[in-house]
Amino acid sequence: MRIDIEKSALGPASLSEGVGQRSFRFTDDFVGFSGHFPGYPILPAVLQTLIAQLVAEQTVGVPLRFLSLERAKFTQQLRPGAQIDVRVNCQENQGQLHCASELLLASERAARFVLVLSKGMEK
């Protein structure tokens, strides 16, 4: 899935001191739309959080492990062909990264949440 998401990026991430931004456009045949929903595809929330995690990994420069999702609010459907702008702001707190994340659709917030992540992929 990560490779398919990377293929949908519109360019490299813009990175600066814990803040990362990147834009994506997912085509109709993107595997993440499979079954969600037939005839009316929308990007599942679990993939929206994965996209933000990938931008967070690029921002901090290391693999990250998902721990939890906080204060999540998904307000717009993300459909094939739409440009989705992802912004993350990661701050370390007691050995964990708290990444305030938002996904924008035409400059309007489509989702926002805080990812709680740890450095490294080990369990």
PDB file of N, CA and C in Angstrom:
ATOM      1  N   MET A   1       0.827  -1.191   0.000  1.00  0.00           N
ATOM      2  CA  MET A   1       0.000   0.000   0.000  1.00  0.00           C
ATOM      3  C   MET A   1       0.872   1.256   0.000  1.00  0.00           C
ATOM      4  N   ARG A   2       1.962   1.222   0.776  1.00  0.00           N
ATOM      5  CA  ARG A   2       2.841   2.391   0.846  1.00  0.00           C
ATOM      6  C   ARG A   2       3.378   2.768  -0.531  1.00  0.00           C
ATOM      7  N   ILE A   3       3.720   1.770  -1.336  1.00  0.00           N
ATOM      8  CA  ILE A   3       4.244   2.034  -2.679  1.00  0.00           C
ATOM      9  C   ILE A   3       3.171   2.687  -3.543  1.00  0.00           C
ATOM     10  N   ASP A   4       1.940   2.185  -3.452  1.00  0.00           N
ATOM     11  CA  ASP A   4       0.837   2.768  -4.233  1.00  0.00           C
ATOM     12  C   ASP A   4       0.553   4.207  -3.809  1.00  0.00           C
ATOM     13  N   ILE A   5       0.656   4.475  -2.524  1.00  0.00           N
ATOM     14  CA  ILE A   5       0.462   5.847  -2.041  1.00  0.00           C
ATOM     15  C   ILE A   5       1.571   6.744  -2.584  1.00  0.00           C
ATOM     16  N   GLU A   6       2.804   6.259  -2.516  1.00  0.00           N
ATOM     17  CA  GLU A   6       3.951   7.044  -3.001  1.00  0.00           C
ATOM     18  C   GLU A   6       3.793   7.378  -4.487  1.00  0.00           C
ATOM     19  N   LYS A   7       3.280   6.446  -5.265  1.00  0.00           N
ATOM     20  CA  LYS A   7       3.071   6.676  -6.703  1.00  0.00           C
ATOM     21  C   LYS A   7       2.042   7.775  -6.961  1.00  0.00           C
ATOM     22  N   SER A   8       1.190   8.031  -5.976  1.00  0.00           N
ATOM     23  CA  SER A   8       0.135   9.041  -6.127  1.00  0.00           C
ATOM     24  C   SER A   8       0.565  10.429  -5.675  1.00  0.00           C
ATOM     25  N   ALA A   9       1.793  10.550  -5.181  1.00  0.00           N
ATOM     26  CA  ALA A   9       2.295  11.859  -4.748  1.00  0.00           C
ATOM     27  C   ALA A   9       2.516  12.758  -5.961  1.00  0.00           C
ATOM     28  N   LEU A  10       2.237  14.038  -5.777  1.00  0.00           N
ATOM     29  CA  LEU A  10       2.385  15.008  -6.865  1.00  0.00           C
ATOM     30  C   LEU A  10       3.762  15.670  -6.887  1.00  0.00           C
ATOM     31  N   GLY A  11       4.622  15.269  -6.002  1.00  0.00           N
ATOM     32  CA  GLY A  11       5.966  15.824  -5.941  1.00  0.00           C
ATOM     33  C   GLY A  11       6.578  15.470  -4.603  1.00  0.00           C
ATOM     34  N   PRO A  12       7.788  15.941  -4.360  1.00  0.00           N
ATOM     35  CA  PRO A  12       8.438  15.632  -3.079  1.00  0.00           C
ATOM     36  C   PRO A  12       7.778  16.380  -1.922  1.00  0.00           C
ATOM     37  N   ALA A  13       8.021  15.882  -0.739  1.00  0.00           N
ATOM     38  CA  ALA A  13       7.512  16.540   0.463  1.00  0.00           C
ATOM     39  C   ALA A  13       8.292  17.818   0.722  1.00  0.00           C
ATOM     40  N   SER A  14       7.603  18.793   1.272  1.00  0.00           N
ATOM     41  CA  SER A  14       8.227  20.026   1.745  1.00  0.00           C
ATOM     42  C   SER A  14       8.424  19.851   3.249  1.00  0.00           C
ATOM     43  N   LEU A  15       9.680  19.905   3.706  1.00  0.00           N
ATOM     44  CA  LEU A  15      10.003  19.584   5.086  1.00  0.00           C
ATOM     45  C   LEU A  15      10.740  20.729   5.756  1.00  0.00           C
ATOM     46  N   SER A  16      10.390  20.990   7.034  1.00  0.00           N
ATOM     47  CA  SER A  16      11.060  22.041   7.785  1.00  0.00           C
ATOM     48  C   SER A  16      10.799  21.866   9.280  1.00  0.00           C
ATOM     49  N   GLU A  17      11.815  21.487  10.030  1.00  0.00           N
ATOM     50  CA  GLU A  17      11.775  21.434  11.494  1.00  0.00           C
ATOM     51  C   GLU A  17      10.487  20.862  12.079  1.00  0.00           C
ATOM     52  N   GLY A  18      10.232  19.592  11.818  1.00  0.00           N
ATOM     53  CA  GLY A  18       9.072  18.934  12.396  1.00  0.00           C
ATOM     54  C   GLY A  18       7.779  19.139  11.647  1.00  0.00           C
ATOM     55  N   VAL A  19       7.811  19.921  10.571  1.00  0.00           N
ATOM     56  CA  VAL A  19       6.608  20.183   9.775  1.00  0.00           C
ATOM     57  C   VAL A  19       6.829  19.633   8.368  1.00  0.00           C
ATOM     58  N   GLY A  20       5.847  18.867   7.889  1.00  0.00           N
ATOM     59  CA  GLY A  20       5.931  18.314   6.544  1.00  0.00           C
ATOM     60  C   GLY A  20       4.639  18.554   5.788  1.00  0.00           C
ATOM     61  N   GLN A  21       4.782  18.738   4.478  1.00  0.00           N
ATOM     62  CA  GLN A  21       3.620  18.935   3.608  1.00  0.00           C
ATOM     63  C   GLN A  21       3.848  18.164   2.322  1.00  0.00           C
ATOM     64  N   ARG A  22       2.790  17.558   1.828  1.00  0.00           N
ATOM     65  CA  ARG A  22       2.890  16.849   0.557  1.00  0.00           C
ATOM     66  C   ARG A  22       1.500  16.736  -0.047  1.00  0.00           C
ATOM     67  N   SER A  23       1.446  16.744  -1.371  1.00  0.00           N
ATOM     68  CA  SER A  23       0.174  16.649  -2.083  1.00  0.00           C
ATOM     69  C   SER A  23       0.079  15.317  -2.814  1.00  0.00           C
ATOM     70  N   PHE A  24      -1.156  14.818  -2.908  1.00  0.00           N
ATOM     71  CA  PHE A  24      -1.435  13.532  -3.541  1.00  0.00           C
ATOM     72  C   PHE A  24      -2.664  13.656  -4.432  1.00  0.00           C
ATOM     73  N   ARG A  25      -2.710  12.785  -5.445  1.00  0.00           N
ATOM     74  CA  ARG A  25      -3.907  12.646  -6.269  1.00  0.00           C
ATOM     75  C   ARG A  25      -4.052  11.152  -6.571  1.00  0.00           C
ATOM     76  N   PHE A  26      -5.159  10.579  -6.128  1.00  0.00           N
ATOM     77  CA  PHE A  26      -5.407   9.155  -6.305  1.00  0.00           C
ATOM     78  C   PHE A  26      -6.364   8.944  -7.465  1.00  0.00           C
ATOM     79  N   THR A  27      -5.966   8.081  -8.397  1.00  0.00           N
ATOM     80  CA  THR A  27      -6.784   7.805  -9.571  1.00  0.00           C
ATOM     81  C   THR A  27      -7.884   6.794  -9.233  1.00  0.00           C
ATOM     82  N   ASP A  28      -8.818   6.639 -10.157  1.00  0.00           N
ATOM     83  CA  ASP A  28      -9.937   5.699  -9.972  1.00  0.00           C
ATOM     84  C   ASP A  28      -9.467   4.275  -9.673  1.00  0.00           C
ATOM     85  N   ASP A  29      -8.315   3.889 -10.236  1.00  0.00           N
ATOM     86  CA  ASP A  29      -7.861   2.506 -10.063  1.00  0.00           C
ATOM     87  C   ASP A  29      -6.941   2.322  -8.846  1.00  0.00           C
ATOM     88  N   PHE A  30      -6.800   3.328  -8.002  1.00  0.00           N
ATOM     89  CA  PHE A  30      -5.996   3.198  -6.783  1.00  0.00           C
ATOM     90  C   PHE A  30      -6.587   2.082  -5.918  1.00  0.00           C
ATOM     91  N   VAL A  31      -5.745   1.160  -5.489  1.00  0.00           N
ATOM     92  CA  VAL A  31      -6.191  -0.020  -4.750  1.00  0.00           C
ATOM     93  C   VAL A  31      -6.948   0.341  -3.464  1.00  0.00           C
ATOM     94  N   GLY A  32      -6.663   1.478  -2.874  1.00  0.00           N
ATOM     95  CA  GLY A  32      -7.323   1.895  -1.644  1.00  0.00           C
ATOM     96  C   GLY A  32      -8.818   2.159  -1.789  1.00  0.00           C
ATOM     97  N   PHE A  33      -9.269   2.357  -3.025  1.00  0.00           N
ATOM     98  CA  PHE A  33     -10.701   2.572  -3.251  1.00  0.00           C
ATOM     99  C   PHE A  33     -11.479   1.255  -3.392  1.00  0.00           C
ATOM    100  N   SER A  34     -10.772   0.156  -3.543  1.00  0.00           N
ATOM    101  CA  SER A  34     -11.422  -1.142  -3.768  1.00  0.00           C
ATOM    102  C   SER A  34     -12.401  -1.464  -2.650  1.00  0.00           C
ATOM    103  N   GLY A  35     -13.665  -1.609  -3.017  1.00  0.00           N
ATOM    104  CA  GLY A  35     -14.687  -1.995  -2.061  1.00  0.00           C
ATOM    105  C   GLY A  35     -15.179  -0.895  -1.156  1.00  0.00           C
ATOM    106  N   HIS A  36     -14.684   0.313  -1.343  1.00  0.00           N
ATOM    107  CA  HIS A  36     -15.046   1.417  -0.431  1.00  0.00           C
ATOM    108  C   HIS A  36     -15.485   2.637  -1.238  1.00  0.00           C
ATOM    109  N   PHE A  37     -16.495   2.732  -1.828  1.00  0.00           N
ATOM    110  CA  PHE A  37     -17.649   1.871  -1.935  1.00  0.00           C
ATOM    111  C   PHE A  37     -17.892   1.614  -3.409  1.00  0.00           C
ATOM    112  N   PRO A  38     -18.387   0.430  -3.789  1.00  0.00           N
ATOM    113  CA  PRO A  38     -18.628   0.150  -5.210  1.00  0.00           C
ATOM    114  C   PRO A  38     -19.569   1.189  -5.836  1.00  0.00           C
ATOM    115  N   GLY A  39     -19.117   1.764  -6.940  1.00  0.00           N
ATOM    116  CA  GLY A  39     -19.921   2.768  -7.632  1.00  0.00           C
ATOM    117  C   GLY A  39     -19.771   4.171  -7.080  1.00  0.00           C
ATOM    118  N   TYR A  40     -19.183   4.319  -5.912  1.00  0.00           N
ATOM    119  CA  TYR A  40     -18.991   5.647  -5.302  1.00  0.00           C
ATOM    120  C   TYR A  40     -17.760   5.586  -4.387  1.00  0.00           C
ATOM    121  N   PRO A  41     -16.555   5.524  -5.001  1.00  0.00           N
ATOM    122  CA  PRO A  41     -15.341   5.341  -4.211  1.00  0.00           C
ATOM    123  C   PRO A  41     -14.974   6.570  -3.373  1.00  0.00           C
ATOM    124  N   ILE A  42     -14.631   6.313  -2.115  1.00  0.00           N
ATOM    125  CA  ILE A  42     -14.076   7.351  -1.242  1.00  0.00           C
ATOM    126  C   ILE A  42     -12.864   6.764  -0.528  1.00  0.00           C
ATOM    127  N   LEU A  43     -11.929   7.623  -0.175  1.00  0.00           N
ATOM    128  CA  LEU A  43     -10.695   7.192   0.485  1.00  0.00           C
ATOM    129  C   LEU A  43     -11.002   6.868   1.948  1.00  0.00           C
ATOM    130  N   PRO A  44     -10.784   5.619   2.362  1.00  0.00           N
ATOM    131  CA  PRO A  44     -11.086   5.238   3.741  1.00  0.00           C
ATOM    132  C   PRO A  44     -10.256   6.015   4.765  1.00  0.00           C
ATOM    133  N   ALA A  45     -10.829   6.239   5.926  1.00  0.00           N
ATOM    134  CA  ALA A  45     -10.138   6.973   6.992  1.00  0.00           C
ATOM    135  C   ALA A  45      -8.833   6.305   7.387  1.00  0.00           C
ATOM    136  N   VAL A  46      -8.803   4.977   7.388  1.00  0.00           N
ATOM    137  CA  VAL A  46      -7.567   4.294   7.764  1.00  0.00           C
ATOM    138  C   VAL A  46      -6.439   4.640   6.788  1.00  0.00           C
ATOM    139  N   LEU A  47      -6.749   4.830   5.520  1.00  0.00           N
ATOM    140  CA  LEU A  47      -5.722   5.229   4.554  1.00  0.00           C
ATOM    141  C   LEU A  47      -5.359   6.699   4.704  1.00  0.00           C
ATOM    142  N   GLN A  48      -6.312   7.517   5.088  1.00  0.00           N
ATOM    143  CA  GLN A  48      -6.000   8.924   5.341  1.00  0.00           C
ATOM    144  C   GLN A  48      -4.973   9.039   6.469  1.00  0.00           C
ATOM    145  N   THR A  49      -5.133   8.212   7.506  1.00  0.00           N
ATOM    146  CA  THR A  49      -4.171   8.259   8.609  1.00  0.00           C
ATOM    147  C   THR A  49      -2.822   7.695   8.174  1.00  0.00           C
ATOM    148  N   LEU A  50      -2.822   6.655   7.323  1.00  0.00           N
ATOM    149  CA  LEU A  50      -1.565   6.105   6.820  1.00  0.00           C
ATOM    150  C   LEU A  50      -0.820   7.130   5.974  1.00  0.00           C
ATOM    151  N   ILE A  51      -1.532   7.871   5.152  1.00  0.00           N
ATOM    152  CA  ILE A  51      -0.894   8.908   4.327  1.00  0.00           C
ATOM    153  C   ILE A  51      -0.225   9.943   5.230  1.00  0.00           C
ATOM    154  N   ALA A  52      -0.912  10.371   6.272  1.00  0.00           N
ATOM    155  CA  ALA A  52      -0.312  11.332   7.209  1.00  0.00           C
ATOM    156  C   ALA A  52       0.903  10.721   7.905  1.00  0.00           C
ATOM    157  N   GLN A  53       0.830   9.436   8.252  1.00  0.00           N
ATOM    158  CA  GLN A  53       1.977   8.789   8.881  1.00  0.00           C
ATOM    159  C   GLN A  53       3.175   8.767   7.934  1.00  0.00           C
ATOM    160  N   LEU A  54       2.939   8.501   6.654  1.00  0.00           N
ATOM    161  CA  LEU A  54       4.035   8.503   5.682  1.00  0.00           C
ATOM    162  C   LEU A  54       4.678   9.877   5.567  1.00  0.00           C
ATOM    163  N   VAL A  55       3.868  10.920   5.581  1.00  0.00           N
ATOM    164  CA  VAL A  55       4.425  12.280   5.544  1.00  0.00           C
ATOM    165  C   VAL A  55       5.199  12.556   6.837  1.00  0.00           C
ATOM    166  N   ALA A  56       4.700  12.078   7.961  1.00  0.00           N
ATOM    167  CA  ALA A  56       5.405  12.233   9.241  1.00  0.00           C
ATOM    168  C   ALA A  56       6.763  11.526   9.197  1.00  0.00           C
ATOM    169  N   GLU A  57       6.803  10.322   8.617  1.00  0.00           N
ATOM    170  CA  GLU A  57       8.072   9.596   8.496  1.00  0.00           C
ATOM    171  C   GLU A  57       9.068  10.377   7.653  1.00  0.00           C
ATOM    172  N   GLN A  58       8.600  10.979   6.579  1.00  0.00           N
ATOM    173  CA  GLN A  58       9.479  11.798   5.748  1.00  0.00           C
ATOM    174  C   GLN A  58       9.940  13.026   6.513  1.00  0.00           C
ATOM    175  N   THR A  59       9.070  13.560   7.348  1.00  0.00           N
ATOM    176  CA  THR A  59       9.391  14.769   8.115  1.00  0.00           C
ATOM    177  C   THR A  59      10.490  14.512   9.128  1.00  0.00           C
ATOM    178  N   VAL A  60      10.405  13.413   9.855  1.00  0.00           N
ATOM    179  CA  VAL A  60      11.395  13.126  10.898  1.00  0.00           C
ATOM    180  C   VAL A  60      12.550  12.278  10.390  1.00  0.00           C
ATOM    181  N   GLY A  61      12.397  11.661   9.221  1.00  0.00           N
ATOM    182  CA  GLY A  61      13.501  10.944   8.599  1.00  0.00           C
ATOM    183  C   GLY A  61      13.736   9.523   9.090  1.00  0.00           C
ATOM    184  N   VAL A  62      12.767   8.939   9.802  1.00  0.00           N
ATOM    185  CA  VAL A  62      12.898   7.557  10.277  1.00  0.00           C
ATOM    186  C   VAL A  62      11.550   6.859  10.186  1.00  0.00           C
ATOM    187  N   PRO A  63      11.555   5.517  10.124  1.00  0.00           N
ATOM    188  CA  PRO A  63      10.287   4.787  10.163  1.00  0.00           C
ATOM    189  C   PRO A  63       9.579   5.022  11.502  1.00  0.00           C
ATOM    190  N   LEU A  64       8.261   5.062  11.455  1.00  0.00           N
ATOM    191  CA  LEU A  64       7.462   5.295  12.659  1.00  0.00           C
ATOM    192  C   LEU A  64       6.431   4.190  12.814  1.00  0.00           C
ATOM    193  N   ARG A  65       6.121   3.875  14.046  1.00  0.00           N
ATOM    194  CA  ARG A  65       5.117   2.859  14.365  1.00  0.00           C
ATOM    195  C   ARG A  65       3.886   3.554  14.928  1.00  0.00           C
ATOM    196  N   PHE A  66       2.741   3.207  14.394  1.00  0.00           N
ATOM    197  CA  PHE A  66       1.470   3.762  14.842  1.00  0.00           C
ATOM    198  C   PHE A  66       1.162   3.269  16.251  1.00  0.00           C
ATOM    199  N   LEU A  67       0.830   4.190  17.159  1.00  0.00           N
ATOM    200  CA  LEU A  67       0.415   3.838  18.512  1.00  0.00           C
ATOM    201  C   LEU A  67      -1.063   4.126  18.741  1.00  0.00           C
ATOM    202  N   SER A  68      -1.501   5.338  18.370  1.00  0.00           N
ATOM    203  CA  SER A  68      -2.911   5.678  18.559  1.00  0.00           C
ATOM    204  C   SER A  68      -3.294   6.885  17.713  1.00  0.00           C
ATOM    205  N   LEU A  69      -4.595   7.093  17.651  1.00  0.00           N
ATOM    206  CA  LEU A  69      -5.189   8.206  16.922  1.00  0.00           C
ATOM    207  C   LEU A  69      -6.030   8.997  17.916  1.00  0.00           C
ATOM    208  N   GLU A  70      -5.826  10.305  17.952  1.00  0.00           N
ATOM    209  CA  GLU A  70      -6.551  11.151  18.899  1.00  0.00           C
ATOM    210  C   GLU A  70      -7.262  12.287  18.158  1.00  0.00           C
ATOM    211  N   ARG A  71      -8.360  12.728  18.731  1.00  0.00           N
ATOM    212  CA  ARG A  71      -9.118  13.894  18.258  1.00  0.00           C
ATOM    213  C   ARG A  71      -9.372  13.870  16.746  1.00  0.00           C
ATOM    214  N   ALA A  72      -9.818  12.724  16.242  1.00  0.00           N
ATOM    215  CA  ALA A  72     -10.045  12.569  14.804  1.00  0.00           C
ATOM    216  C   ALA A  72     -11.390  13.146  14.386  1.00  0.00           C
ATOM    217  N   LYS A  73     -11.364  13.863  13.275  1.00  0.00           N
ATOM    218  CA  LYS A  73     -12.593  14.405  12.699  1.00  0.00           C
ATOM    219  C   LYS A  73     -12.434  14.382  11.177  1.00  0.00           C
ATOM    220  N   PHE A  74     -13.317  13.632  10.521  1.00  0.00           N
ATOM    221  CA  PHE A  74     -13.308  13.505   9.064  1.00  0.00           C
ATOM    222  C   PHE A  74     -14.559  14.202   8.548  1.00  0.00           C
ATOM    223  N   THR A  75     -14.389  15.297   7.813  1.00  0.00           N
ATOM    224  CA  THR A  75     -15.527  16.148   7.468  1.00  0.00           C
ATOM    225  C   THR A  75     -15.885  16.187   5.984  1.00  0.00           C
ATOM    226  N   GLN A  76     -14.981  15.683   5.115  1.00  0.00           N
ATOM    227  CA  GLN A  76     -15.291  15.680   3.688  1.00  0.00           C
ATOM    228  C   GLN A  76     -14.872  14.349   3.086  1.00  0.00           C
ATOM    229  N   GLN A  77     -15.613  13.913   2.090  1.00  0.00           N
ATOM    230  CA  GLN A  77     -15.251  12.706   1.363  1.00  0.00           C
ATOM    231  C   GLN A  77     -14.120  13.020   0.396  1.00  0.00           C
ATOM    232  N   LEU A  78     -13.129  12.137   0.368  1.00  0.00           N
ATOM    233  CA  LEU A  78     -12.001  12.283  -0.549  1.00  0.00           C
ATOM    234  C   LEU A  78     -12.205  11.289  -1.683  1.00  0.00           C
ATOM    235  N   ARG A  79     -12.415  11.834  -2.879  1.00  0.00           N
ATOM    236  CA  ARG A  79     -12.797  11.037  -4.045  1.00  0.00           C
ATOM    237  C   ARG A  79     -11.655  10.956  -5.048  1.00  0.00           C
ATOM    238  N   PRO A  80     -11.719  10.000  -5.976  1.00  0.00           N
ATOM    239  CA  PRO A  80     -10.681   9.888  -7.004  1.00  0.00           C
ATOM    240  C   PRO A  80     -10.517  11.180  -7.785  1.00  0.00           C
ATOM    241  N   GLY A  81      -9.269  11.494  -8.101  1.00  0.00           N
ATOM    242  CA  GLY A  81      -8.955  12.659  -8.920  1.00  0.00           C
ATOM    243  C   GLY A  81      -8.773  13.953  -8.166  1.00  0.00           C
ATOM    244  N   ALA A  82      -9.174  13.998  -6.917  1.00  0.00           N
ATOM    245  CA  ALA A  82      -9.050  15.233  -6.136  1.00  0.00           C
ATOM    246  C   ALA A  82      -7.614  15.398  -5.631  1.00  0.00           C
ATOM    247  N   GLN A  83      -7.131  16.621  -5.632  1.00  0.00           N
ATOM    248  CA  GLN A  83      -5.832  16.889  -5.019  1.00  0.00           C
ATOM    249  C   GLN A  83      -6.019  16.991  -3.511  1.00  0.00           C
ATOM    250  N   ILE A  84      -5.246  16.201  -2.791  1.00  0.00           N
ATOM    251  CA  ILE A  84      -5.305  16.171  -1.334  1.00  0.00           C
ATOM    252  C   ILE A  84      -3.978  16.687  -0.808  1.00  0.00           C
ATOM    253  N   ASP A  85      -4.021  17.764  -0.059  1.00  0.00           N
ATOM    254  CA  ASP A  85      -2.818  18.343   0.536  1.00  0.00           C
ATOM    255  C   ASP A  85      -2.748  17.881   1.989  1.00  0.00           C
ATOM    256  N   VAL A  86      -1.614  17.304   2.361  1.00  0.00           N
ATOM    257  CA  VAL A  86      -1.428  16.742   3.696  1.00  0.00           C
ATOM    258  C   VAL A  86      -0.381  17.574   4.431  1.00  0.00           C
ATOM    259  N   ARG A  87      -0.706  17.949   5.664  1.00  0.00           N
ATOM    260  CA  ARG A  87       0.225  18.708   6.509  1.00  0.00           C
ATOM    261  C   ARG A  87       0.338  18.004   7.848  1.00  0.00           C
ATOM    262  N   VAL A  88       1.565  17.848   8.320  1.00  0.00           N
ATOM    263  CA  VAL A  88       1.790  17.278   9.655  1.00  0.00           C
ATOM    264  C   VAL A  88       2.758  18.178  10.413  1.00  0.00           C
ATOM    265  N   ASN A  89       2.540  18.272  11.704  1.00  0.00           N
ATOM    266  CA  ASN A  89       3.426  19.019  12.596  1.00  0.00           C
ATOM    267  C   ASN A  89       3.733  18.092  13.764  1.00  0.00           C
ATOM    268  N   CYS A  90       4.954  17.578  13.820  1.00  0.00           N
ATOM    269  CA  CYS A  90       5.328  16.560  14.797  1.00  0.00           C
ATOM    270  C   CYS A  90       6.146  17.161  15.932  1.00  0.00           C
ATOM    271  N   GLN A  91       5.718  16.837  17.133  1.00  0.00           N
ATOM    272  CA  GLN A  91       6.415  17.271  18.347  1.00  0.00           C
ATOM    273  C   GLN A  91       6.672  16.046  19.221  1.00  0.00           C
ATOM    274  N   GLU A  92       7.876  15.956  19.772  1.00  0.00           N
ATOM    275  CA  GLU A  92       8.179  14.836  20.661  1.00  0.00           C
ATOM    276  C   GLU A  92       7.677  15.146  22.063  1.00  0.00           C
ATOM    277  N   ASN A  93       7.078  14.124  22.700  1.00  0.00           N
ATOM    278  CA  ASN A  93       6.525  14.275  24.039  1.00  0.00           C
ATOM    279  C   ASN A  93       6.678  12.939  24.757  1.00  0.00           C
ATOM    280  N   GLN A  94       7.523  12.894  25.750  1.00  0.00           N
ATOM    281  CA  GLN A  94       7.754  11.702  26.562  1.00  0.00           C
ATOM    282  C   GLN A  94       8.083  10.479  25.707  1.00  0.00           C
ATOM    283  N   GLY A  95       8.984  10.649  24.766  1.00  0.00           N
ATOM    284  CA  GLY A  95       9.447   9.545  23.933  1.00  0.00           C
ATOM    285  C   GLY A  95       8.523   9.166  22.795  1.00  0.00           C
ATOM    286  N   GLN A  96       7.421   9.880  22.638  1.00  0.00           N
ATOM    287  CA  GLN A  96       6.494   9.616  21.540  1.00  0.00           C
ATOM    288  C   GLN A  96       6.398  10.857  20.672  1.00  0.00           C
ATOM    289  N   LEU A  97       6.050  10.636  19.412  1.00  0.00           N
ATOM    290  CA  LEU A  97       5.788  11.762  18.515  1.00  0.00           C
ATOM    291  C   LEU A  97       4.286  11.985  18.442  1.00  0.00           C
ATOM    292  N   HIS A  98       3.894  13.212  18.640  1.00  0.00           N
ATOM    293  CA  HIS A  98       2.485  13.607  18.482  1.00  0.00           C
ATOM    294  C   HIS A  98       2.450  14.483  17.234  1.00  0.00           C
ATOM    295  N   CYS A  99       1.813  13.963  16.196  1.00  0.00           N
ATOM    296  CA  CYS A  99       1.792  14.643  14.904  1.00  0.00           C
ATOM    297  C   CYS A  99       0.389  15.167  14.612  1.00  0.00           C
ATOM    298  N   ALA A 100       0.209  16.475  14.788  1.00  0.00           N
ATOM    299  CA  ALA A 100      -1.052  17.121  14.407  1.00  0.00           C
ATOM    300  C   ALA A 100      -1.118  17.069  12.886  1.00  0.00           C
ATOM    301  N   SER A 101      -2.177  16.481  12.374  1.00  0.00           N
ATOM    302  CA  SER A 101      -2.285  16.213  10.941  1.00  0.00           C
ATOM    303  C   SER A 101      -3.577  16.784  10.396  1.00  0.00           C
ATOM    304  N   GLU A 102      -3.494  17.287   9.170  1.00  0.00           N
ATOM    305  CA  GLU A 102      -4.715  17.710   8.493  1.00  0.00           C
ATOM    306  C   GLU A 102      -4.597  17.405   7.015  1.00  0.00           C
ATOM    307  N   LEU A 103      -5.715  17.029   6.438  1.00  0.00           N
ATOM    308  CA  LEU A 103      -5.833  16.794   5.011  1.00  0.00           C
ATOM    309  C   LEU A 103      -6.757  17.863   4.465  1.00  0.00           C
ATOM    310  N   LEU A 104      -6.312  18.502   3.393  1.00  0.00           N
ATOM    311  CA  LEU A 104      -7.063  19.605   2.800  1.00  0.00           C
ATOM    312  C   LEU A 104      -7.512  19.238   1.400  1.00  0.00           C
ATOM    313  N   LEU A 105      -8.707  19.659   1.074  1.00  0.00           N
ATOM    314  CA  LEU A 105      -9.302  19.456  -0.232  1.00  0.00           C
ATOM    315  C   LEU A 105      -9.716  20.832  -0.728  1.00  0.00           C
ATOM    316  N   ALA A 106      -9.066  21.305  -1.796  1.00  0.00           N
ATOM    317  CA  ALA A 106      -9.336  22.649  -2.319  1.00  0.00           C
ATOM    318  C   ALA A 106      -9.209  23.693  -1.207  1.00  0.00           C
ATOM    319  N   SER A 107      -8.145  23.594  -0.427  1.00  0.00           N
ATOM    320  CA  SER A 107      -7.823  24.521   0.670  1.00  0.00           C
ATOM    321  C   SER A 107      -8.793  24.463   1.847  1.00  0.00           C
ATOM    322  N   GLU A 108      -9.739  23.522   1.828  1.00  0.00           N
ATOM    323  CA  GLU A 108     -10.661  23.360   2.952  1.00  0.00           C
ATOM    324  C   GLU A 108     -10.328  22.075   3.689  1.00  0.00           C
ATOM    325  N   ARG A 109     -10.400  22.129   5.009  1.00  0.00           N
ATOM    326  CA  ARG A 109     -10.067  20.964   5.812  1.00  0.00           C
ATOM    327  C   ARG A 109     -11.039  19.827   5.548  1.00  0.00           C
ATOM    328  N   ALA A 110     -10.482  18.660   5.197  1.00  0.00           N
ATOM    329  CA  ALA A 110     -11.285  17.457   4.979  1.00  0.00           C
ATOM    330  C   ALA A 110     -11.161  16.500   6.159  1.00  0.00           C
ATOM    331  N   ALA A 111     -10.047  16.581   6.868  1.00  0.00           N
ATOM    332  CA  ALA A 111      -9.832  15.729   8.036  1.00  0.00           C
ATOM    333  C   ALA A 111      -8.757  16.358   8.903  1.00  0.00           C
ATOM    334  N   ARG A 112      -8.875  16.066  10.209  1.00  0.00           N
ATOM    335  CA  ARG A 112      -7.809  16.464  11.121  1.00  0.00           C
ATOM    336  C   ARG A 112      -7.773  15.470  12.266  1.00  0.00           C
ATOM    337  N   PHE A 113      -6.578  15.223  12.744  1.00  0.00           N
ATOM    338  CA  PHE A 113      -6.385  14.249  13.810  1.00  0.00           C
ATOM    339  C   PHE A 113      -4.952  14.369  14.321  1.00  0.00           C
ATOM    340  N   VAL A 114      -4.703  13.747  15.449  1.00  0.00           N
ATOM    341  CA  VAL A 114      -3.356  13.672  16.000  1.00  0.00           C
ATOM    342  C   VAL A 114      -2.936  12.210  15.962  1.00  0.00           C
ATOM    343  N   LEU A 115      -1.823  11.954  15.290  1.00  0.00           N
ATOM    344  CA  LEU A 115      -1.226  10.625  15.285  1.00  0.00           C
ATOM    345  C   LEU A 115      -0.226  10.552  16.423  1.00  0.00           C
ATOM    346  N   VAL A 116      -0.297   9.507  17.214  1.00  0.00           N
ATOM    347  CA  VAL A 116       0.711   9.251  18.235  1.00  0.00           C
ATOM    348  C   VAL A 116       1.552   8.104  17.698  1.00  0.00           C
ATOM    349  N   LEU A 117       2.837   8.370  17.514  1.00  0.00           N
ATOM    350  CA  LEU A 117       3.734   7.454  16.858  1.00  0.00           C
ATOM    351  C   LEU A 117       4.990   7.243  17.697  1.00  0.00           C
ATOM    352  N   SER A 118       5.688   6.154  17.441  1.00  0.00           N
ATOM    353  CA  SER A 118       6.990   5.941  18.074  1.00  0.00           C
ATOM    354  C   SER A 118       8.019   5.724  16.990  1.00  0.00           C
ATOM    355  N   LYS A 119       9.246   6.073  17.278  1.00  0.00           N
ATOM    356  CA  LYS A 119      10.327   5.898  16.318  1.00  0.00           C
ATOM    357  C   LYS A 119      10.692   4.424  16.226  1.00  0.00           C
ATOM    358  N   GLY A 120      10.949   3.985  14.994  1.00  0.00           N
ATOM    359  CA  GLY A 120      11.323   2.592  14.766  1.00  0.00           C
ATOM    360  C   GLY A 120      10.115   1.718  14.546  1.00  0.00           C
ATOM    361  N   MET A 121      10.326   0.641  13.832  1.00  0.00           N
ATOM    362  CA  MET A 121       9.226  -0.260  13.498  1.00  0.00           C
ATOM    363  C   MET A 121       9.123  -1.430  14.474  1.00  0.00           C
ATOM    364  N   GLU A 122      10.075  -1.570  15.400  1.00  0.00           N
ATOM    365  CA  GLU A 122      10.022  -2.699  16.330  1.00  0.00           C
ATOM    366  C   GLU A 122       8.833  -2.585  17.262  1.00  0.00           C
ATOM    367  N   LYS A 123       8.412  -3.722  17.789  1.00  0.00           N
ATOM    368  CA  LYS A 123       7.251  -3.742  18.697  1.00  0.00           C
ATOM    369  C   LYS A 123       7.693  -3.840  20.126  1.00  0.00           C
TER     370      LYS A 123
END
